Amino acid sequence: MSDPYGVPASRVSQRHVGASESARANRVWWDRAADAYQAEHGSFLRDDGFLWCPEGLDEADVRLLGDVRGRRVLEVGCGAAQCSRWLAGQGAQAVGIDISAAQVSWSLSLDHRTGASVPTAVADVGALPFLDASFDLACSAFGAMPFVSDAGAVLAEVVRVLRPGGRFVWSVTHPMRWVFPDDPGPGGLTVCQSYFDRRPYVEEDERGQASYAEHHRTMGDWVRAIVAAGLRLDDVVEPTWPDGLERTWGQWSPLRGRLMPGTAIFVAAVPS
């Protein structure tokens, strides 16, 4: 079997995946899928746009990060750094990191194409290569957070590099979507597993090693991890499906989007 981007997988399972196995699997997967992913979604994301989710929620409209002018902003799991490029255009000092060298290469290509260069680095969010209190803000639009095995440890690492009063905003697949199959059509409207089954979704290669891993957390799990990391939860945004958007992105579709949330965006801050 294979995923939508042609990355081969011999078997799909749900089992425990530790931090190192999850990081290795997703590094390899995104290195293989980067070209196809950017070819399919690049025009929707825009070279210098900041969309939070497949519903098309635009930071230019919602300003979940607040005023970014003059602020140092870290984009976690930046991909081709479209969001960082938009932030730079708003006067921010944006830096992007991604676990995939292929995605960072795409960012360099967009730098040449747009003439708007942003610094990027290949790095694991579990060990950020930055000093304490280096940034005013951090953001992650479906980057890294769905793919880490220990969300609490990652949140603590982001908190470490934020200054007091700093904000971290990130989007993930809405936890309730895990009870439904990844089907944008009518088949995706029938519950197929328990919301409380926290075993990660894992694709394995012919040797039984994880080649892709995505982790499920309930809303309560996220709230507890946020509080334990020392963050203050200010908001949870559940974007509605907008009128006129007929685009399907994986399991996201107009049919499902008009009936249930597909994305959760957490807005949290380091207390001053």
C-alpha atoms as a PDB file:
ATOM      1  CA  MET A   1       0.000   0.000   0.000  1.00  0.00           C
ATOM      2  CA  SER A   2       1.066   3.657  -0.274  1.00  0.00           C
ATOM      3  CA  ASP A   3      -0.085   7.054   0.956  1.00  0.00           C
ATOM      4  CA  PRO A   4      -1.359   9.913  -1.258  1.00  0.00           C
ATOM      5  CA  TYR A   5       2.207  11.086  -1.909  1.00  0.00           C
ATOM      6  CA  GLY A   6       3.485   7.743  -3.121  1.00  0.00           C
ATOM      7  CA  VAL A   7       5.583   6.875  -0.082  1.00  0.00           C
ATOM      8  CA  PRO A   8       5.517   3.055   0.165  1.00  0.00           C
ATOM      9  CA  ALA A   9       4.194   1.308   3.262  1.00  0.00           C
ATOM     10  CA  SER A  10       3.863  -2.434   3.787  1.00  0.00           C
ATOM     11  CA  ARG A  11       1.485  -2.329   6.724  1.00  0.00           C
ATOM     12  CA  VAL A  12      -0.639   0.057   8.787  1.00  0.00           C
ATOM     13  CA  SER A  13      -1.003  -0.474  12.513  1.00  0.00           C
ATOM     14  CA  GLN A  14      -1.685   1.274  15.803  1.00  0.00           C
ATOM     15  CA  ARG A  15       1.041   0.774  18.371  1.00  0.00           C
ATOM     16  CA  HIS A  16       3.361   2.619  20.723  1.00  0.00           C
ATOM     17  CA  VAL A  17       6.052   4.681  18.987  1.00  0.00           C
ATOM     18  CA  GLY A  18       8.789   6.368  21.030  1.00  0.00           C
ATOM     19  CA  ALA A  19      10.320   9.771  20.409  1.00  0.00           C
ATOM     20  CA  SER A  20      13.340   8.592  18.419  1.00  0.00           C
ATOM     21  CA  GLU A  21      11.386   6.146  16.231  1.00  0.00           C
ATOM     22  CA  SER A  22       8.700   8.733  15.541  1.00  0.00           C
ATOM     23  CA  ALA A  23      11.255  11.414  14.632  1.00  0.00           C
ATOM     24  CA  ARG A  24      13.194   9.092  12.338  1.00  0.00           C
ATOM     25  CA  ALA A  25      10.036   7.862  10.606  1.00  0.00           C
ATOM     26  CA  ASN A  26       8.664  11.310   9.946  1.00  0.00           C
ATOM     27  CA  ARG A  27      12.012  12.689   8.852  1.00  0.00           C
ATOM     28  CA  VAL A  28      12.272   9.961   6.196  1.00  0.00           C
ATOM     29  CA  TRP A  29       8.597  10.269   5.202  1.00  0.00           C
ATOM     30  CA  TRP A  30       8.681  14.037   4.720  1.00  0.00           C
ATOM     31  CA  ASP A  31      11.963  13.849   2.814  1.00  0.00           C
ATOM     32  CA  ARG A  32      10.256  11.490   0.365  1.00  0.00           C
ATOM     33  CA  ALA A  33       6.907  13.308   0.235  1.00  0.00           C
ATOM     34  CA  ALA A  34       8.074  16.936   0.125  1.00  0.00           C
ATOM     35  CA  ASP A  35       8.052  17.367  -3.654  1.00  0.00           C
ATOM     36  CA  ALA A  36       4.605  15.839  -4.132  1.00  0.00           C
ATOM     37  CA  TYR A  37       3.198  17.704  -1.126  1.00  0.00           C
ATOM     38  CA  GLN A  38       4.405  21.087  -2.339  1.00  0.00           C
ATOM     39  CA  ALA A  39       3.248  20.339  -5.897  1.00  0.00           C
ATOM     40  CA  GLU A  40      -0.265  19.517  -4.663  1.00  0.00           C
ATOM     41  CA  HIS A  41      -0.730  22.163  -1.975  1.00  0.00           C
ATOM     42  CA  GLY A  42       1.773  24.907  -2.793  1.00  0.00           C
ATOM     43  CA  SER A  43      -0.639  27.110  -4.730  1.00  0.00           C
ATOM     44  CA  PHE A  44      -3.217  26.919  -1.916  1.00  0.00           C
ATOM     45  CA  LEU A  45      -0.622  27.716   0.760  1.00  0.00           C
ATOM     46  CA  ARG A  46       0.954  30.503  -1.352  1.00  0.00           C
ATOM     47  CA  ASP A  47       4.679  31.185  -1.372  1.00  0.00           C
ATOM     48  CA  ASP A  48       4.325  33.830   1.325  1.00  0.00           C
ATOM     49  CA  GLY A  49       0.976  33.059   2.931  1.00  0.00           C
ATOM     50  CA  PHE A  50       0.030  32.004   6.452  1.00  0.00           C
ATOM     51  CA  LEU A  51      -2.838  29.505   6.472  1.00  0.00           C
ATOM     52  CA  TRP A  52      -3.506  27.670   9.707  1.00  0.00           C
ATOM     53  CA  CYS A  53      -5.376  24.712   8.233  1.00  0.00           C
ATOM     54  CA  PRO A  54      -7.109  23.116   5.224  1.00  0.00           C
ATOM     55  CA  GLU A  55     -10.173  25.222   6.071  1.00  0.00           C
ATOM     56  CA  GLY A  56      -8.118  28.166   4.823  1.00  0.00           C
ATOM     57  CA  LEU A  57      -8.105  30.210   8.050  1.00  0.00           C
ATOM     58  CA  ASP A  58      -5.678  33.042   7.270  1.00  0.00           C
ATOM     59  CA  GLU A  59      -3.460  34.691   9.892  1.00  0.00           C
ATOM     60  CA  ALA A  60      -3.826  37.918   7.930  1.00  0.00           C
ATOM     61  CA  ASP A  61      -7.500  37.904   8.992  1.00  0.00           C
ATOM     62  CA  VAL A  62      -7.507  36.342  12.460  1.00  0.00           C
ATOM     63  CA  ARG A  63      -4.179  37.619  13.913  1.00  0.00           C
ATOM     64  CA  LEU A  64      -3.879  34.832  16.480  1.00  0.00           C
ATOM     65  CA  LEU A  65      -0.236  35.802  16.980  1.00  0.00           C
ATOM     66  CA  GLY A  66      -1.090  39.445  17.541  1.00  0.00           C
ATOM     67  CA  ASP A  67       1.170  42.226  16.332  1.00  0.00           C
ATOM     68  CA  VAL A  68       4.333  40.601  14.952  1.00  0.00           C
ATOM     69  CA  ARG A  69       6.218  43.697  13.791  1.00  0.00           C
ATOM     70  CA  GLY A  70       9.680  43.734  15.313  1.00  0.00           C
ATOM     71  CA  ARG A  71       9.090  40.414  17.080  1.00  0.00           C
ATOM     72  CA  ARG A  72      11.352  37.376  16.869  1.00  0.00           C
ATOM     73  CA  VAL A  73       9.141  34.480  15.744  1.00  0.00           C
ATOM     74  CA  LEU A  74      10.005  30.776  15.568  1.00  0.00           C
ATOM     75  CA  GLU A  75       8.037  28.637  13.105  1.00  0.00           C
ATOM     76  CA  VAL A  76       8.090  25.031  14.299  1.00  0.00           C
ATOM     77  CA  GLY A  77       7.812  22.461  11.500  1.00  0.00           C
ATOM     78  CA  CYS A  78       8.017  25.173   8.854  1.00  0.00           C
ATOM     79  CA  GLY A  79       7.936  23.001   5.721  1.00  0.00           C
ATOM     80  CA  ALA A  80       8.744  25.408   2.885  1.00  0.00           C
ATOM     81  CA  ALA A  81       8.440  28.308   5.380  1.00  0.00           C
ATOM     82  CA  GLN A  82       5.483  29.957   3.679  1.00  0.00           C
ATOM     83  CA  CYS A  83       4.277  31.191   7.075  1.00  0.00           C
ATOM     84  CA  SER A  84       7.710  32.542   8.022  1.00  0.00           C
ATOM     85  CA  ARG A  85       7.885  34.388   4.713  1.00  0.00           C
ATOM     86  CA  TRP A  86       4.518  36.038   5.414  1.00  0.00           C
ATOM     87  CA  LEU A  87       5.671  36.946   8.931  1.00  0.00           C
ATOM     88  CA  ALA A  88       8.820  38.540   7.526  1.00  0.00           C
ATOM     89  CA  GLY A  89       6.646  40.585   5.188  1.00  0.00           C
ATOM     90  CA  GLN A  90       4.800  41.886   8.261  1.00  0.00           C
ATOM     91  CA  GLY A  91       8.024  43.116   9.830  1.00  0.00           C
ATOM     92  CA  ALA A  92       8.802  40.111  12.030  1.00  0.00           C
ATOM     93  CA  GLN A  93      12.205  38.494  12.421  1.00  0.00           C
ATOM     94  CA  ALA A  94      11.094  34.979  11.494  1.00  0.00           C
ATOM     95  CA  VAL A  95      13.102  31.773  11.744  1.00  0.00           C
ATOM     96  CA  GLY A  96      11.868  28.366  10.551  1.00  0.00           C
ATOM     97  CA  ILE A  97      12.936  24.876  11.573  1.00  0.00           C
ATOM     98  CA  ASP A  98      11.874  21.551  10.124  1.00  0.00           C
ATOM     99  CA  ILE A  99      12.950  17.948  10.654  1.00  0.00           C
ATOM    100  CA  SER A 100      12.990  17.359   6.886  1.00  0.00           C
ATOM    101  CA  ALA A 101      15.944  18.534   4.820  1.00  0.00           C
ATOM    102  CA  ALA A 102      13.810  18.212   1.683  1.00  0.00           C
ATOM    103  CA  GLN A 103      11.222  20.625   3.059  1.00  0.00           C
ATOM    104  CA  VAL A 104      13.926  23.114   4.027  1.00  0.00           C
ATOM    105  CA  SER A 105      15.315  22.803   0.493  1.00  0.00           C
ATOM    106  CA  TRP A 106      11.900  23.832  -0.768  1.00  0.00           C
ATOM    107  CA  SER A 107      12.114  26.900   1.443  1.00  0.00           C
ATOM    108  CA  LEU A 108      15.409  27.846  -0.198  1.00  0.00           C
ATOM    109  CA  SER A 109      13.775  27.448  -3.608  1.00  0.00           C
ATOM    110  CA  LEU A 110      10.956  29.785  -2.598  1.00  0.00           C
ATOM    111  CA  ASP A 111      13.525  32.284  -1.324  1.00  0.00           C
ATOM    112  CA  HIS A 112      14.956  32.469  -4.845  1.00  0.00           C
ATOM    113  CA  ARG A 113      11.520  32.567  -6.472  1.00  0.00           C
ATOM    114  CA  THR A 114      10.070  35.294  -4.275  1.00  0.00           C
ATOM    115  CA  GLY A 115      13.176  37.277  -3.409  1.00  0.00           C
ATOM    116  CA  ALA A 116      12.073  37.105   0.230  1.00  0.00           C
ATOM    117  CA  SER A 117      14.632  35.120   2.196  1.00  0.00           C
ATOM    118  CA  VAL A 118      14.003  33.707   5.671  1.00  0.00           C
ATOM    119  CA  PRO A 119      16.548  31.792   7.767  1.00  0.00           C
ATOM    120  CA  THR A 120      15.729  28.101   8.145  1.00  0.00           C
ATOM    121  CA  ALA A 121      17.423  25.101   9.707  1.00  0.00           C
ATOM    122  CA  VAL A 122      17.012  21.340   9.844  1.00  0.00           C
ATOM    123  CA  ALA A 123      16.235  20.581  13.490  1.00  0.00           C
ATOM    124  CA  ASP A 124      14.060  18.436  15.757  1.00  0.00           C
ATOM    125  CA  VAL A 125      11.533  20.322  17.862  1.00  0.00           C
ATOM    126  CA  GLY A 126      12.464  18.051  20.757  1.00  0.00           C
ATOM    127  CA  ALA A 127      15.916  19.674  20.898  1.00  0.00           C
ATOM    128  CA  LEU A 128      15.694  23.229  19.587  1.00  0.00           C
ATOM    129  CA  PRO A 129      19.098  24.709  18.691  1.00  0.00           C
ATOM    130  CA  PHE A 130      18.382  28.058  20.348  1.00  0.00           C
ATOM    131  CA  LEU A 131      19.224  29.758  23.631  1.00  0.00           C
ATOM    132  CA  ASP A 132      16.670  30.222  26.398  1.00  0.00           C
ATOM    133  CA  ALA A 133      14.254  33.131  25.904  1.00  0.00           C
ATOM    134  CA  SER A 134      15.359  33.699  22.288  1.00  0.00           C
ATOM    135  CA  PHE A 135      11.914  34.376  20.789  1.00  0.00           C
ATOM    136  CA  ASP A 136       8.855  36.510  21.428  1.00  0.00           C
ATOM    137  CA  LEU A 137       6.446  34.215  19.592  1.00  0.00           C
ATOM    138  CA  ALA A 138       6.269  30.677  18.205  1.00  0.00           C
ATOM    139  CA  CYS A 139       3.846  29.132  15.748  1.00  0.00           C
ATOM    140  CA  SER A 140       3.195  25.825  14.035  1.00  0.00           C
ATOM    141  CA  ALA A 141       0.578  25.348  11.321  1.00  0.00           C
ATOM    142  CA  PHE A 142       0.225  21.551  11.235  1.00  0.00           C
ATOM    143  CA  GLY A 143       3.998  21.350  11.604  1.00  0.00           C
ATOM    144  CA  ALA A 144       5.612  18.927  14.043  1.00  0.00           C
ATOM    145  CA  MET A 145       2.950  18.855  16.777  1.00  0.00           C
ATOM    146  CA  PRO A 146       0.821  16.007  15.305  1.00  0.00           C
ATOM    147  CA  PHE A 147       3.977  13.946  14.771  1.00  0.00           C
ATOM    148  CA  VAL A 148       5.699  14.067  18.180  1.00  0.00           C
ATOM    149  CA  SER A 149       5.316  11.247  20.682  1.00  0.00           C
ATOM    150  CA  ASP A 150       5.765  13.381  23.817  1.00  0.00           C
ATOM    151  CA  ALA A 151       3.783  16.587  23.421  1.00  0.00           C
ATOM    152  CA  GLY A 152       4.582  17.679  26.970  1.00  0.00           C
ATOM    153  CA  ALA A 153       8.329  17.530  26.402  1.00  0.00           C
ATOM    154  CA  VAL A 154       8.008  19.448  23.128  1.00  0.00           C
ATOM    155  CA  LEU A 155       5.824  22.132  24.705  1.00  0.00           C
ATOM    156  CA  ALA A 156       8.394  22.514  27.487  1.00  0.00           C
ATOM    157  CA  GLU A 157      11.145  22.944  24.886  1.00  0.00           C
ATOM    158  CA  VAL A 158       9.169  25.648  23.077  1.00  0.00           C
ATOM    159  CA  VAL A 159       8.505  27.361  26.413  1.00  0.00           C
ATOM    160  CA  ARG A 160      12.255  27.296  27.093  1.00  0.00           C
ATOM    161  CA  VAL A 161      13.040  29.382  24.001  1.00  0.00           C
ATOM    162  CA  LEU A 162      10.168  31.848  24.570  1.00  0.00           C
ATOM    163  CA  ARG A 163      10.485  35.001  26.613  1.00  0.00           C
ATOM    164  CA  PRO A 164       8.064  35.670  29.495  1.00  0.00           C
ATOM    165  CA  GLY A 165       4.792  36.831  27.960  1.00  0.00           C
ATOM    166  CA  GLY A 166       5.599  34.975  24.721  1.00  0.00           C
ATOM    167  CA  ARG A 167       2.829  33.249  22.818  1.00  0.00           C
ATOM    168  CA  PHE A 168       2.757  29.829  21.144  1.00  0.00           C
ATOM    169  CA  VAL A 169      -0.010  29.077  18.645  1.00  0.00           C
ATOM    170  CA  TRP A 170      -0.276  25.722  16.866  1.00  0.00           C
ATOM    171  CA  SER A 171      -2.798  23.754  14.823  1.00  0.00           C
ATOM    172  CA  VAL A 172      -3.431  20.014  14.700  1.00  0.00           C
ATOM    173  CA  THR A 173      -6.038  17.620  13.385  1.00  0.00           C
ATOM    174  CA  HIS A 174      -9.072  18.031  15.615  1.00  0.00           C
ATOM    175  CA  PRO A 175      -9.030  15.176  18.173  1.00  0.00           C
ATOM    176  CA  MET A 176     -12.585  14.092  17.362  1.00  0.00           C
ATOM    177  CA  ARG A 177     -11.532  13.299  13.784  1.00  0.00           C
ATOM    178  CA  TRP A 178      -9.663  10.247  15.094  1.00  0.00           C
ATOM    179  CA  VAL A 179     -12.900   8.326  15.603  1.00  0.00           C
ATOM    180  CA  PHE A 180     -13.663   8.516  11.869  1.00  0.00           C
ATOM    181  CA  PRO A 181     -11.828   6.983   8.890  1.00  0.00           C
ATOM    182  CA  ASP A 182      -9.619   9.223   6.727  1.00  0.00           C
ATOM    183  CA  ASP A 183     -12.258   9.471   4.016  1.00  0.00           C
ATOM    184  CA  PRO A 184     -13.470  12.835   2.655  1.00  0.00           C
ATOM    185  CA  GLY A 185     -16.694  11.226   1.383  1.00  0.00           C
ATOM    186  CA  PRO A 186     -19.745   9.668   3.050  1.00  0.00           C
ATOM    187  CA  GLY A 187     -17.590   6.794   4.335  1.00  0.00           C
ATOM    188  CA  GLY A 188     -15.852   9.299   6.569  1.00  0.00           C
ATOM    189  CA  LEU A 189     -19.014  10.023   8.530  1.00  0.00           C
ATOM    190  CA  THR A 190     -19.222   6.731  10.402  1.00  0.00           C
ATOM    191  CA  VAL A 191     -17.437   6.198  13.713  1.00  0.00           C
ATOM    192  CA  CYS A 192     -14.863   3.403  13.432  1.00  0.00           C
ATOM    193  CA  GLN A 193     -12.856   3.534  16.675  1.00  0.00           C
ATOM    194  CA  SER A 194     -12.864   4.901  20.206  1.00  0.00           C
ATOM    195  CA  TYR A 195     -11.967   8.524  20.876  1.00  0.00           C
ATOM    196  CA  PHE A 196     -10.046   7.238  23.894  1.00  0.00           C
ATOM    197  CA  ASP A 197      -7.796   4.911  21.880  1.00  0.00           C
ATOM    198  CA  ARG A 198      -4.556   6.860  22.082  1.00  0.00           C
ATOM    199  CA  ARG A 199      -2.387   4.443  20.122  1.00  0.00           C
ATOM    200  CA  PRO A 200      -0.598   6.295  17.315  1.00  0.00           C
ATOM    201  CA  TYR A 201      -1.390   5.664  13.667  1.00  0.00           C
ATOM    202  CA  VAL A 202       1.699   3.981  12.218  1.00  0.00           C
ATOM    203  CA  GLU A 203       2.746   3.031   8.697  1.00  0.00           C
ATOM    204  CA  GLU A 204       5.505   0.415   8.616  1.00  0.00           C
ATOM    205  CA  ASP A 205       8.024  -0.643   5.994  1.00  0.00           C
ATOM    206  CA  GLU A 206       8.791  -4.229   5.002  1.00  0.00           C
ATOM    207  CA  ARG A 207      11.079  -4.596   8.050  1.00  0.00           C
ATOM    208  CA  GLY A 208       8.321  -3.595  10.458  1.00  0.00           C
ATOM    209  CA  GLN A 209       9.927  -0.240  11.230  1.00  0.00           C
ATOM    210  CA  ALA A 210       7.770   2.865  11.369  1.00  0.00           C
ATOM    211  CA  SER A 211       7.909   4.880   8.165  1.00  0.00           C
ATOM    212  CA  TYR A 212       5.249   7.380   9.314  1.00  0.00           C
ATOM    213  CA  ALA A 213       3.711   8.063  12.718  1.00  0.00           C
ATOM    214  CA  GLU A 214       0.941  10.399  13.816  1.00  0.00           C
ATOM    215  CA  HIS A 215      -0.159  10.748  17.419  1.00  0.00           C
ATOM    216  CA  HIS A 216      -3.658  11.157  18.860  1.00  0.00           C
ATOM    217  CA  ARG A 217      -4.429  13.201  21.952  1.00  0.00           C
ATOM    218  CA  THR A 218      -7.853  14.042  23.321  1.00  0.00           C
ATOM    219  CA  MET A 219      -8.800  17.633  24.069  1.00  0.00           C
ATOM    220  CA  GLY A 220      -8.241  16.888  27.740  1.00  0.00           C
ATOM    221  CA  ASP A 221      -4.776  15.492  27.000  1.00  0.00           C
ATOM    222  CA  TRP A 222      -3.825  18.716  25.234  1.00  0.00           C
ATOM    223  CA  VAL A 223      -5.126  20.915  28.055  1.00  0.00           C
ATOM    224  CA  ARG A 224      -3.213  18.931  30.680  1.00  0.00           C
ATOM    225  CA  ALA A 225       0.000  19.026  28.614  1.00  0.00           C
ATOM    226  CA  ILE A 226      -0.344  22.779  28.116  1.00  0.00           C
ATOM    227  CA  VAL A 227      -0.836  23.441  31.824  1.00  0.00           C
ATOM    228  CA  ALA A 228       1.983  21.066  32.825  1.00  0.00           C
ATOM    229  CA  ALA A 229       4.376  22.910  30.496  1.00  0.00           C
ATOM    230  CA  GLY A 230       3.690  26.152  32.343  1.00  0.00           C
ATOM    231  CA  LEU A 231       1.623  27.728  29.595  1.00  0.00           C
ATOM    232  CA  ARG A 232      -1.632  29.630  30.018  1.00  0.00           C
ATOM    233  CA  LEU A 233      -4.316  28.459  27.572  1.00  0.00           C
ATOM    234  CA  ASP A 234      -6.030  31.537  26.148  1.00  0.00           C
ATOM    235  CA  ASP A 235      -8.150  30.082  23.366  1.00  0.00           C
ATOM    236  CA  VAL A 236      -9.024  27.011  21.304  1.00  0.00           C
ATOM    237  CA  VAL A 237     -10.129  27.860  17.777  1.00  0.00           C
ATOM    238  CA  GLU A 238     -12.189  25.344  15.783  1.00  0.00           C
ATOM    239  CA  PRO A 239     -12.426  26.798  12.260  1.00  0.00           C
ATOM    240  CA  THR A 240     -15.689  26.380  10.412  1.00  0.00           C
ATOM    241  CA  TRP A 241     -15.722  25.335   6.775  1.00  0.00           C
ATOM    242  CA  PRO A 242     -16.043  28.514   4.683  1.00  0.00           C
ATOM    243  CA  ASP A 243     -18.634  29.026   1.979  1.00  0.00           C
ATOM    244  CA  GLY A 244     -17.168  28.708  -1.487  1.00  0.00           C
ATOM    245  CA  LEU A 245     -14.272  26.416  -0.551  1.00  0.00           C
ATOM    246  CA  GLU A 246     -14.814  23.221  -2.539  1.00  0.00           C
ATOM    247  CA  ARG A 247     -11.267  21.930  -2.225  1.00  0.00           C
ATOM    248  CA  THR A 248     -10.541  18.483  -0.773  1.00  0.00           C
ATOM    249  CA  TRP A 249      -7.310  18.009   1.171  1.00  0.00           C
ATOM    250  CA  GLY A 250      -6.862  14.427   2.309  1.00  0.00           C
ATOM    251  CA  GLN A 251      -9.709  13.764   4.742  1.00  0.00           C
ATOM    252  CA  TRP A 252     -10.776  17.443   4.781  1.00  0.00           C
ATOM    253  CA  SER A 253     -13.691  18.170   2.484  1.00  0.00           C
ATOM    254  CA  PRO A 254     -16.765  20.402   2.247  1.00  0.00           C
ATOM    255  CA  LEU A 255     -18.994  17.435   3.165  1.00  0.00           C
ATOM    256  CA  ARG A 256     -17.217  16.686   6.426  1.00  0.00           C
ATOM    257  CA  GLY A 257     -16.221  20.260   7.192  1.00  0.00           C
ATOM    258  CA  ARG A 258     -19.809  21.450   7.313  1.00  0.00           C
ATOM    259  CA  LEU A 259     -20.702  18.765   9.860  1.00  0.00           C
ATOM    260  CA  MET A 260     -17.716  18.550  12.233  1.00  0.00           C
ATOM    261  CA  PRO A 261     -14.491  20.386  13.063  1.00  0.00           C
ATOM    262  CA  GLY A 262     -11.375  19.209  11.260  1.00  0.00           C
ATOM    263  CA  THR A 263      -8.794  21.409  12.964  1.00  0.00           C
ATOM    264  CA  ALA A 264      -8.030  22.584  16.495  1.00  0.00           C
ATOM    265  CA  ILE A 265      -5.834  25.646  17.014  1.00  0.00           C
ATOM    266  CA  PHE A 266      -4.415  26.182  20.498  1.00  0.00           C
ATOM    267  CA  VAL A 267      -3.471  29.692  21.593  1.00  0.00           C
ATOM    268  CA  ALA A 268      -1.253  29.662  24.700  1.00  0.00           C
ATOM    269  CA  ALA A 269       1.151  32.034  26.418  1.00  0.00           C
ATOM    270  CA  VAL A 270       4.070  31.975  28.850  1.00  0.00           C
ATOM    271  CA  PRO A 271       2.958  33.949  31.927  1.00  0.00           C
ATOM    272  CA  SER A 272       4.823  37.245  32.343  1.00  0.00           C
END
